[in-house]
């Protein structure tokens, strides 16, 4: 029998045997049987002890893992229970980077509705993989325009879920934004996309439908010096309007001789689908903004434009990373009385409070942004737009922010408190800033699915950023 003296760390200090009786000599067979019995018992005890140690080690690891996930700390349950530095060091070494790996998984492997890059851990659009054709609406809507005479202007704008932006949005919707699409020529687009302009018809370039001959002469370099006979669609126009073929006159001369050609639209008199796009010489060298009312041209009806990656536009929105926060707490629509707002609009400012039905996220990060609230645009609408078009959609748009510039608005959309996730959406606007300046509508054309976030994910807030103080 042994006396085992233990330290506080369960270490054996003294295992000296103590004789308590004189045992008589036994027969060899009896001693052999007794030794076998002791060895069997010792073996079973040894297995039992190993099992106990494994169970305790599993418990320690489980508790430590739970603590790391729940609290994000690096403390060790094993060290608290047993005071063993060795155990603490082992568990700490194994799990010290657990939170980092979890964050990284969320930021890099979480599926996103749009092509994504990460800046300081926050998702940003990968413009090299985004086009107007592959961006799809997640919902439906429509709007009627004021009754204003404006060549090329449609009476309504409508969209449906699954439809691409290329089919709905027009060039003017992105005027005075970071894209500068209007600076493109058809030749520029052809070089980027690899299309052959000779394979397109005049009808594929929508803006030609409402151009007059005078408009074309001003937009297309050197067109006024070309003879009418060398331009079949123009000769058809001249013949139908004037009754004369004017074959040997130049475009400039027939405009001088027949002033009415400066008022009639090409699409009224010419079947544009009869002629190749290149049948008008030099058309590929004119910038889109040189055509009259180019703003009314549907993006999908400019040859090749729908397939130009956004990073190939004359310029591209750069994320405003002045302020990056973290999604701290998504809260649903039952919330009310939220005043620490950092969301709104250009017209209403970006500190619009919410009184009731206030789904939102609370943001953490620096001392400046911690506790700030970005409201859900599904719950809250704010004033937006300006000019005549500012009255569309009742003058309202979903609340949100513009960390990616004026081209679109980022709006918090669906909030799932159960799993701590949110979806966001892009909303676009309608602009008519031509010779007749109609202004811009609120940002209400959408939603187009954008980034999804979970708790502790970084989110770009951009500027302006001021957090109200009570």
Protein backbone atom coordinates (compact mmCIF):
# COMPACT_ATOMS: atom_id res chain seq x y z
CA UNK A 1 0.00 0.00 0.00
CA UNK A 2 1.29 3.48 -0.89
CA UNK A 3 0.90 6.89 0.74
CA UNK A 4 0.60 9.47 -2.02
CA UNK A 5 1.28 13.07 -0.95
CA UNK A 6 0.00 15.56 -3.54
CA UNK A 7 0.89 19.17 -4.17
CA UNK A 8 -1.69 21.73 -5.23
CA UNK A 9 -0.80 20.83 -8.79
CA UNK A 10 -1.57 17.10 -8.32
CA UNK A 11 2.10 16.16 -8.54
CA UNK A 12 3.28 13.08 -6.58
CA UNK A 13 5.99 14.07 -4.06
CA UNK A 14 6.47 10.84 -2.03
CA UNK A 15 5.77 7.32 -3.13
CA UNK A 16 7.90 5.52 -0.46
CA UNK A 17 6.30 2.14 0.49
CA UNK A 18 5.40 1.59 4.14
CA UNK A 19 5.51 -1.98 5.52
CA UNK A 20 2.53 -2.66 7.73
CA UNK A 21 2.82 -6.49 8.21
CA UNK A 22 5.12 -9.46 7.76
CA UNK A 23 3.65 -11.66 5.04
CA UNK A 24 4.39 -15.39 5.25
CA UNK A 25 6.12 -17.11 2.33
CA UNK A 26 3.62 -18.49 -0.11
CA UNK A 27 3.78 -21.29 -2.62
CA UNK A 28 5.12 -20.38 -6.03
CA UNK A 29 1.84 -21.13 -7.76
CA UNK A 30 -0.10 -18.93 -5.32
CA UNK A 31 2.39 -16.02 -5.76
CA UNK A 32 2.18 -16.30 -9.54
CA UNK A 33 -1.61 -16.14 -9.47
CA UNK A 34 -1.56 -13.15 -7.10
CA UNK A 35 0.97 -11.25 -9.29
CA UNK A 36 -1.15 -11.86 -12.39
CA UNK A 37 -4.17 -10.54 -10.54
CA UNK A 38 -2.27 -7.39 -9.45
CA UNK A 39 -0.97 -6.78 -12.94
CA UNK A 40 -4.47 -7.12 -14.41
CA UNK A 41 -5.83 -4.71 -11.83
CA UNK A 42 -3.01 -2.25 -12.46
CA UNK A 43 -3.64 -2.44 -16.22
CA UNK A 44 -7.33 -1.73 -15.77
CA UNK A 45 -6.59 1.12 -13.39
CA UNK A 46 -4.07 2.54 -15.85
CA UNK A 47 -6.66 2.49 -18.66
CA UNK A 48 -9.22 4.05 -16.40
CA UNK A 49 -6.83 6.85 -15.40
CA UNK A 50 -5.96 7.55 -19.05
CA UNK A 51 -9.64 7.73 -19.85
CA UNK A 52 -10.17 10.16 -16.98
CA UNK A 53 -7.34 12.36 -18.19
CA UNK A 54 -8.72 12.34 -21.76
CA UNK A 55 -12.17 13.27 -20.51
CA UNK A 56 -10.77 16.13 -18.42
CA UNK A 57 -8.61 17.33 -21.31
CA UNK A 58 -11.66 17.26 -23.62
CA UNK A 59 -13.65 19.23 -21.09
CA UNK A 60 -10.87 21.80 -20.78
CA UNK A 61 -10.58 22.19 -24.55
CA UNK A 62 -14.34 22.44 -24.97
CA UNK A 63 -14.70 25.09 -22.29
CA UNK A 64 -11.75 27.03 -23.66
CA UNK A 65 -13.14 26.89 -27.20
CA UNK A 66 -16.55 28.04 -25.96
CA UNK A 67 -14.96 30.92 -24.08
CA UNK A 68 -12.94 32.00 -27.08
CA UNK A 69 -15.94 31.99 -29.39
CA UNK A 70 -18.31 33.64 -26.92
CA UNK A 71 -16.05 36.32 -25.54
CA UNK A 72 -13.25 36.64 -28.05
CA UNK A 73 -10.66 36.42 -25.31
CA UNK A 74 -7.51 34.37 -24.96
CA UNK A 75 -8.01 33.24 -21.36
CA UNK A 76 -7.84 29.55 -20.53
CA UNK A 77 -10.39 27.54 -18.57
CA UNK A 78 -7.77 24.89 -17.84
CA UNK A 79 -5.54 27.37 -16.04
CA UNK A 80 -8.46 28.58 -13.94
CA UNK A 81 -9.45 25.06 -12.87
CA UNK A 82 -6.05 23.51 -12.35
CA UNK A 83 -3.58 26.40 -12.21
CA UNK A 84 -1.33 24.65 -14.69
CA UNK A 85 0.65 27.02 -16.89
CA UNK A 86 1.48 24.18 -19.23
CA UNK A 87 -2.18 23.51 -19.94
CA UNK A 88 -2.88 27.21 -20.43
CA UNK A 89 0.01 27.61 -22.83
CA UNK A 90 -1.04 24.58 -24.86
CA UNK A 91 -4.66 25.65 -25.24
CA UNK A 92 -3.71 29.30 -25.83
CA UNK A 93 -1.23 28.33 -28.53
CA UNK A 94 -3.78 26.13 -30.25
CA UNK A 95 -6.69 28.55 -30.19
CA UNK A 96 -5.18 32.02 -29.94
CA UNK A 97 -5.90 32.77 -33.61
CA UNK A 98 -9.39 31.32 -33.64
CA UNK A 99 -11.24 34.65 -33.87
CA UNK A 100 -8.95 35.81 -36.65
CA UNK A 101 -9.63 32.72 -38.71
CA UNK A 102 -13.38 33.00 -38.16
CA UNK A 103 -13.39 36.66 -39.25
CA UNK A 104 -11.29 35.84 -42.27
CA UNK A 105 -13.65 33.04 -43.29
CA UNK A 106 -16.60 35.40 -43.12
CA UNK A 107 -14.86 38.10 -45.06
CA UNK A 108 -13.37 35.97 -47.81
CA UNK A 109 -15.64 32.95 -48.23
CA UNK A 110 -19.09 34.32 -47.55
CA UNK A 111 -21.02 34.26 -50.85
CA UNK A 112 -21.86 37.73 -52.15
CA UNK A 113 -24.45 38.72 -54.77
CA UNK A 114 -21.85 40.78 -56.64
CA UNK A 115 -18.19 40.26 -57.50
CA UNK A 116 -16.25 41.33 -54.43
CA UNK A 117 -12.84 42.51 -53.31
CA UNK A 118 -11.83 43.30 -49.75
CA UNK A 119 -10.26 46.52 -48.49
CA UNK A 120 -9.12 46.40 -44.87
CA UNK A 121 -11.42 43.40 -44.48
CA UNK A 122 -14.50 45.24 -45.80
CA UNK A 123 -16.23 44.11 -49.02
CA UNK A 124 -16.01 46.42 -52.02
CA UNK A 125 -17.20 45.88 -55.60
CA UNK A 126 -14.77 44.12 -57.93
CA UNK A 127 -15.47 46.45 -60.83
CA UNK A 128 -13.43 44.30 -63.22
CA UNK A 129 -16.14 41.60 -63.06
CA UNK A 130 -19.25 43.81 -62.92
CA UNK A 131 -21.19 44.98 -65.97
CA UNK A 132 -24.62 46.50 -66.51
CA UNK A 133 -25.71 43.21 -68.04
CA UNK A 134 -24.84 41.01 -65.07
CA UNK A 135 -26.37 43.29 -62.45
CA UNK A 136 -29.97 42.20 -61.83
CA UNK A 137 -32.91 43.76 -60.07
CA UNK A 138 -34.17 41.96 -56.98
CA UNK A 139 -37.64 43.48 -57.18
CA UNK A 140 -40.10 45.24 -59.47
CA UNK A 141 -41.25 48.82 -59.87
CA UNK A 142 -42.37 51.50 -62.30
CA UNK A 143 -42.76 55.24 -62.59
CA UNK A 144 -44.45 57.69 -64.97
CA UNK A 145 -42.65 60.83 -66.11
CA UNK A 146 -44.09 64.34 -66.24
CA UNK A 147 -45.63 65.26 -69.57
CA UNK A 148 -42.64 67.10 -70.99
CA UNK A 149 -41.68 67.28 -74.65
CA UNK A 150 -38.14 65.99 -74.78
CA UNK A 151 -36.85 64.01 -77.83
CA UNK A 152 -36.11 60.40 -76.88
CA UNK A 153 -37.73 60.62 -73.44
CA UNK A 154 -39.98 57.68 -72.55
CA UNK A 155 -43.30 58.14 -70.81
CA UNK A 156 -42.64 55.47 -68.18
CA UNK A 157 -39.77 53.55 -66.64
CA UNK A 158 -40.44 50.03 -65.35
CA UNK A 159 -38.35 47.10 -64.15
CA UNK A 160 -38.89 43.58 -62.85
CA UNK A 161 -37.00 41.09 -60.70
CA UNK A 162 -34.25 39.38 -62.66
CA UNK A 163 -34.08 42.09 -65.31
CA UNK A 164 -30.66 43.58 -65.94
CA UNK A 165 -29.73 47.21 -65.35
CA UNK A 166 -28.76 47.42 -69.03
CA UNK A 167 -32.42 47.04 -70.03
CA UNK A 168 -33.69 49.74 -67.65
CA UNK A 169 -31.08 52.38 -66.95
CA UNK A 170 -30.18 55.19 -69.34
CA UNK A 171 -26.97 57.08 -69.99
CA UNK A 172 -28.26 60.23 -68.33
CA UNK A 173 -28.89 58.38 -65.08
CA UNK A 174 -25.13 58.36 -64.58
CA UNK A 175 -24.40 61.87 -65.78
CA UNK A 176 -22.22 63.84 -63.38
CA UNK A 177 -21.21 60.68 -61.52
CA UNK A 178 -17.86 58.96 -61.21
CA UNK A 179 -18.41 56.76 -64.30
CA UNK A 180 -18.24 59.40 -67.08
CA UNK A 181 -19.78 56.91 -69.50
CA UNK A 182 -20.72 59.71 -71.88
CA UNK A 183 -17.05 60.20 -72.75
CA UNK A 184 -16.98 56.86 -74.58
CA UNK A 185 -17.02 56.55 -78.36
CA UNK A 186 -18.40 53.47 -80.09
CA UNK A 187 -14.85 52.68 -81.13
CA UNK A 188 -13.73 52.78 -77.49
CA UNK A 189 -16.44 50.30 -76.56
CA UNK A 190 -15.58 48.03 -79.50
CA UNK A 191 -11.92 47.90 -78.48
CA UNK A 192 -12.83 46.93 -74.92
CA UNK A 193 -15.47 44.31 -75.73
CA UNK A 194 -14.13 42.98 -79.03
CA UNK A 195 -17.38 43.58 -80.92
CA UNK A 196 -17.39 44.32 -84.66
CA UNK A 197 -19.36 47.51 -85.30
CA UNK A 198 -20.00 46.49 -88.90
CA UNK A 199 -22.18 43.68 -87.57
CA UNK A 200 -24.63 46.14 -85.98
CA UNK A 201 -27.45 48.13 -87.51
CA UNK A 202 -28.38 51.77 -87.06
CA UNK A 203 -31.38 50.61 -85.05
CA UNK A 204 -29.02 49.05 -82.47
CA UNK A 205 -27.88 52.54 -81.48
CA UNK A 206 -31.05 53.98 -79.99
CA UNK A 207 -29.92 57.59 -79.91
CA UNK A 208 -30.05 57.79 -83.72
CA UNK A 209 -33.81 57.46 -83.60
CA UNK A 210 -34.30 61.12 -82.57
CA UNK A 211 -31.25 62.76 -84.18
CA UNK A 212 -31.80 65.28 -86.95
CA UNK A 213 -29.33 65.64 -89.80
CA UNK A 214 -28.10 68.83 -88.18
CA UNK A 215 -27.57 66.95 -84.90
CA UNK A 216 -25.53 64.31 -86.72
CA UNK A 217 -23.44 66.89 -88.52
CA UNK A 218 -22.54 68.50 -85.18
CA UNK A 219 -21.79 65.22 -83.40
CA UNK A 220 -19.87 63.24 -86.03
CA UNK A 221 -16.45 64.58 -87.05
CA UNK A 222 -16.23 65.66 -90.73
CA UNK A 223 -19.70 64.39 -91.59
CA UNK A 224 -20.76 67.74 -93.07
CA UNK A 225 -18.02 67.36 -95.72
CA UNK A 226 -19.28 63.95 -96.90
CA UNK A 227 -21.42 63.67 -100.03
CA UNK A 228 -25.01 62.59 -99.59
CA UNK A 229 -24.66 59.89 -102.26
CA UNK A 230 -22.01 58.15 -100.12
CA UNK A 231 -24.35 57.83 -97.14
CA UNK A 232 -27.42 55.73 -98.12
CA UNK A 233 -29.51 56.34 -94.93
CA UNK A 234 -28.92 60.10 -95.16
CA UNK A 235 -29.82 60.10 -98.85
CA UNK A 236 -33.08 58.31 -98.00
CA UNK A 237 -33.82 60.96 -95.39
CA UNK A 238 -33.07 63.85 -97.75
CA UNK A 239 -35.12 62.34 -100.56
CA UNK A 240 -38.17 61.68 -98.38
CA UNK A 241 -38.12 65.11 -96.77
CA UNK A 242 -37.16 67.30 -99.75
CA UNK A 243 -38.14 65.20 -102.77
CA UNK A 244 -34.61 65.66 -104.15
CA UNK A 245 -31.80 63.11 -104.14
CA UNK A 246 -29.20 65.86 -103.75
CA UNK A 247 -26.66 63.21 -104.66
CA UNK A 248 -23.74 65.52 -105.35
CA UNK A 249 -24.23 67.82 -102.45
CA UNK A 250 -22.47 67.49 -99.14
CA UNK A 251 -24.28 67.20 -95.84
CA UNK A 252 -23.35 70.78 -95.06
CA UNK A 253 -24.74 71.99 -98.38
CA UNK A 254 -28.10 70.24 -98.10
CA UNK A 255 -28.51 71.66 -94.59
CA UNK A 256 -27.98 75.12 -96.02
CA UNK A 257 -30.34 74.46 -98.93
CA UNK A 258 -33.05 72.64 -96.97
CA UNK A 259 -33.30 74.07 -93.42
CA UNK A 260 -36.17 71.70 -92.60
CA UNK A 261 -33.61 68.88 -92.40
CA UNK A 262 -32.47 70.45 -89.16
CA UNK A 263 -35.82 69.70 -87.55
CA UNK A 264 -36.93 66.22 -88.67
CA UNK A 265 -35.75 63.12 -86.79
CA UNK A 266 -33.94 60.32 -88.59
CA UNK A 267 -36.14 57.59 -87.14
CA UNK A 268 -39.30 59.24 -88.51
CA UNK A 269 -38.32 58.80 -92.16
CA UNK A 270 -35.69 56.08 -92.29
CA UNK A 271 -36.00 52.40 -91.43
CA UNK A 272 -32.88 52.19 -89.31
CA UNK A 273 -32.78 48.40 -89.28
CA UNK A 274 -32.11 48.43 -93.06
CA UNK A 275 -28.61 49.90 -92.71
CA UNK A 276 -25.38 48.92 -91.05
CA UNK A 277 -24.16 51.07 -88.19
CA UNK A 278 -21.04 51.88 -90.17
CA UNK A 279 -23.04 53.17 -93.11
CA UNK A 280 -22.72 56.62 -91.54
CA UNK A 281 -18.99 57.37 -91.84
CA UNK A 282 -17.23 58.53 -88.68
CA UNK A 283 -20.08 57.60 -86.34
CA UNK A 284 -17.70 55.40 -84.33
CA UNK A 285 -15.53 58.41 -83.48
CA UNK A 286 -18.22 60.59 -81.92
CA UNK A 287 -18.44 60.71 -78.15
CA UNK A 288 -21.80 59.63 -76.79
CA UNK A 289 -22.29 63.03 -75.15
CA UNK A 290 -22.00 64.76 -78.55
CA UNK A 291 -25.41 63.46 -79.67
CA UNK A 292 -28.52 65.47 -78.89
CA UNK A 293 -30.36 64.20 -75.80
CA UNK A 294 -27.87 61.37 -75.41
CA UNK A 295 -29.13 61.10 -71.83
CA UNK A 296 -32.31 59.34 -73.02
CA UNK A 297 -30.40 56.41 -74.55
CA UNK A 298 -30.94 53.04 -72.88
CA UNK A 299 -27.61 51.50 -71.89
CA UNK A 300 -28.46 48.17 -73.51
CA UNK A 301 -29.09 50.00 -76.80
CA UNK A 302 -25.57 51.31 -77.18
CA UNK A 303 -23.65 48.56 -79.01
CA UNK A 304 -21.42 46.70 -76.56
CA UNK A 305 -21.88 49.07 -73.61
CA UNK A 306 -23.79 46.54 -71.48
CA UNK A 307 -20.73 44.27 -71.48
CA UNK A 308 -18.05 46.82 -70.58
CA UNK A 309 -16.58 46.00 -67.15
CA UNK A 310 -16.99 48.98 -64.85
CA UNK A 311 -13.25 49.25 -64.31
CA UNK A 312 -12.89 50.06 -68.02
CA UNK A 313 -15.13 53.11 -67.82
CA UNK A 314 -13.36 56.47 -68.26
CA UNK A 315 -13.36 56.61 -64.45
CA UNK A 316 -14.70 54.41 -61.68
CA UNK A 317 -16.08 54.97 -58.17
CA UNK A 318 -13.38 54.62 -55.51
CA UNK A 319 -14.61 53.41 -52.11
CA UNK A 320 -14.45 56.14 -49.50
CA UNK A 321 -12.60 54.30 -46.73
CA UNK A 322 -12.26 57.35 -44.50
CA UNK A 323 -14.39 55.52 -41.94
CA UNK A 324 -14.75 51.75 -41.64
CA UNK A 325 -16.85 50.35 -38.82
CA UNK A 326 -18.03 46.89 -37.83
CA UNK A 327 -21.54 45.49 -37.84
CA UNK A 328 -22.03 45.27 -34.09
CA UNK A 329 -25.69 44.46 -33.66
CA UNK A 330 -28.48 44.00 -36.25
CA UNK A 331 -31.86 44.92 -34.78
CA UNK A 332 -35.24 44.41 -36.42
CA UNK A 333 -38.29 46.54 -37.15
CA UNK A 334 -39.68 46.40 -33.60
CA UNK A 335 -37.10 48.99 -32.60
CA UNK A 336 -38.20 52.61 -32.19
CA UNK A 337 -36.91 55.98 -31.07
CA UNK A 338 -33.52 55.70 -32.72
CA UNK A 339 -31.73 59.07 -32.78
CA UNK A 340 -28.05 58.23 -33.19
CA UNK A 341 -28.48 57.94 -36.94
CA UNK A 342 -25.76 58.07 -39.60
CA UNK A 343 -28.13 57.37 -42.51
CA UNK A 344 -30.29 59.58 -44.70
CA UNK A 345 -29.83 61.26 -48.10
CA UNK A 346 -28.03 64.10 -49.85
CA UNK A 347 -31.13 66.27 -49.45
CA UNK A 348 -32.09 65.33 -45.87
CA UNK A 349 -28.56 64.91 -44.52
CA UNK A 350 -27.13 61.73 -43.04
CA UNK A 351 -28.38 61.97 -39.46
CA UNK A 352 -32.08 61.34 -40.03
CA UNK A 353 -33.59 59.88 -36.82
CA UNK A 354 -36.28 57.19 -36.79
CA UNK A 355 -39.27 57.24 -34.46
CA UNK A 356 -40.93 53.89 -35.09
CA UNK A 357 -40.37 50.74 -37.15
CA UNK A 358 -36.64 51.30 -36.98
CA UNK A 359 -34.77 48.25 -38.17
CA UNK A 360 -31.09 49.15 -38.13
CA UNK A 361 -27.55 48.09 -37.36
CA UNK A 362 -25.45 49.45 -34.57
CA UNK A 363 -21.87 50.06 -35.58
CA UNK A 364 -18.70 49.61 -33.56
CA UNK A 365 -15.08 50.43 -34.23
CA UNK A 366 -13.38 53.69 -33.42
CA UNK A 367 -14.54 56.05 -30.69
CA UNK A 368 -16.17 58.15 -33.40
CA UNK A 369 -18.45 55.49 -34.88
CA UNK A 370 -19.17 53.17 -31.94
CA UNK A 371 -22.88 53.21 -31.15
CA UNK A 372 -23.88 54.86 -34.43
CA UNK A 373 -27.06 53.55 -36.08
CA UNK A 374 -27.57 52.92 -39.80
CA UNK A 375 -31.32 52.57 -40.40
CA UNK A 376 -32.96 50.09 -42.74
CA UNK A 377 -34.20 51.61 -45.99
CA UNK A 378 -36.94 49.03 -46.01
CA UNK A 379 -38.39 50.70 -42.92
CA UNK A 380 -37.49 54.36 -43.39
CA UNK A 381 -37.89 56.67 -46.39
CA UNK A 382 -36.33 60.12 -46.58
CA UNK A 383 -36.47 63.15 -48.85
CA UNK A 384 -34.45 62.82 -52.07
CA UNK A 385 -34.01 64.18 -55.59
CA UNK A 386 -34.13 67.68 -57.00
CA UNK A 387 -35.60 69.58 -59.94
CA UNK A 388 -38.73 68.43 -61.75
CA UNK A 389 -37.75 64.78 -61.42
CA UNK A 390 -37.32 65.26 -57.68
CA UNK A 391 -41.08 64.73 -57.31
CA UNK A 392 -40.95 61.16 -58.65
CA UNK A 393 -41.76 58.43 -56.12
CA UNK A 394 -43.36 61.07 -53.93
CA UNK A 395 -39.99 62.73 -53.49
CA UNK A 396 -38.84 59.87 -51.25
CA UNK A 397 -36.02 57.31 -51.30
CA UNK A 398 -34.83 54.60 -48.90
CA UNK A 399 -32.50 55.90 -46.21
CA UNK A 400 -28.88 54.89 -46.61
CA UNK A 401 -25.36 56.06 -47.38
CA UNK A 402 -23.02 56.66 -50.35
CA UNK A 403 -19.66 55.05 -49.52
CA UNK A 404 -19.22 54.26 -53.23
CA UNK A 405 -20.15 57.64 -54.69
CA UNK A 406 -23.16 59.22 -56.41
CA UNK A 407 -23.73 56.48 -58.98
CA UNK A 408 -25.88 54.49 -56.54
CA UNK A 409 -26.93 54.41 -52.92
CA UNK A 410 -26.16 51.59 -50.48
CA UNK A 411 -29.21 50.69 -48.41
CA UNK A 412 -29.60 48.23 -45.54
CA UNK A 413 -32.47 46.02 -46.61
CA UNK A 414 -33.27 42.74 -44.81
CA UNK A 415 -32.25 42.20 -41.18
CA UNK A 416 -32.09 38.75 -39.58
CA UNK A 417 -31.62 39.08 -35.84
CA UNK A 418 -31.60 35.31 -35.35
CA UNK A 419 -28.33 34.73 -37.18
CA UNK A 420 -26.97 38.27 -36.89
CA UNK A 421 -26.96 38.97 -40.63
CA UNK A 422 -28.12 41.77 -42.91
CA UNK A 423 -28.48 42.24 -46.65
CA UNK A 424 -27.87 45.51 -48.43
CA UNK A 425 -29.11 46.74 -51.79
CA UNK A 426 -28.13 49.26 -54.44
CA UNK A 427 -30.64 51.92 -55.47
CA UNK A 428 -30.26 54.10 -58.56
CA UNK A 429 -31.86 57.32 -59.74
CA UNK A 430 -33.13 58.88 -62.97
CA UNK A 431 -31.45 62.04 -64.23
CA UNK A 432 -32.17 64.36 -67.18
CA UNK A 433 -29.52 67.05 -67.10
CA UNK A 434 -29.49 68.03 -70.77
CA UNK A 435 -30.29 71.31 -72.49
CA UNK A 436 -33.61 71.12 -70.64
CA UNK A 437 -32.45 70.38 -67.09
CA UNK A 438 -35.07 68.25 -65.35
CA UNK A 439 -32.84 67.39 -62.39
CA UNK A 440 -32.64 63.96 -60.79
CA UNK A 441 -35.17 61.70 -59.11
CA UNK A 442 -34.71 60.26 -55.63
CA UNK A 443 -32.65 57.04 -55.47
CA UNK A 444 -35.52 54.58 -55.72
CA UNK A 445 -34.76 52.43 -58.79
CA UNK A 446 -34.08 49.05 -57.22
CA UNK A 447 -33.40 47.02 -55.21
CA UNK A 448 -30.31 45.47 -56.77
CA UNK A 449 -28.78 42.92 -54.34
CA UNK A 450 -25.48 44.16 -52.92
CA UNK A 451 -23.30 42.99 -50.01
CA UNK A 452 -24.35 40.69 -47.18
CA UNK A 453 -22.82 41.22 -43.73
CA UNK A 454 -22.76 39.38 -40.42
CA UNK A 455 -21.95 40.52 -36.92
CA UNK A 456 -18.34 41.77 -36.54
CA UNK A 457 -17.92 42.11 -40.33
CA UNK A 458 -16.25 45.38 -41.37
CA UNK A 459 -18.47 47.79 -43.32
CA UNK A 460 -17.38 50.91 -45.18
CA UNK A 461 -19.22 53.99 -43.93
CA UNK A 462 -17.60 56.71 -46.02
CA UNK A 463 -18.24 60.41 -45.49
CA UNK A 464 -19.81 62.67 -44.40
CA UNK A 465 -19.87 61.05 -40.97
CA UNK A 466 -21.01 62.78 -37.81
CA UNK A 467 -22.71 60.90 -34.99
CA UNK A 468 -25.43 62.79 -33.11
CA UNK A 469 -24.91 63.31 -29.37
CA UNK A 470 -27.81 63.35 -26.95
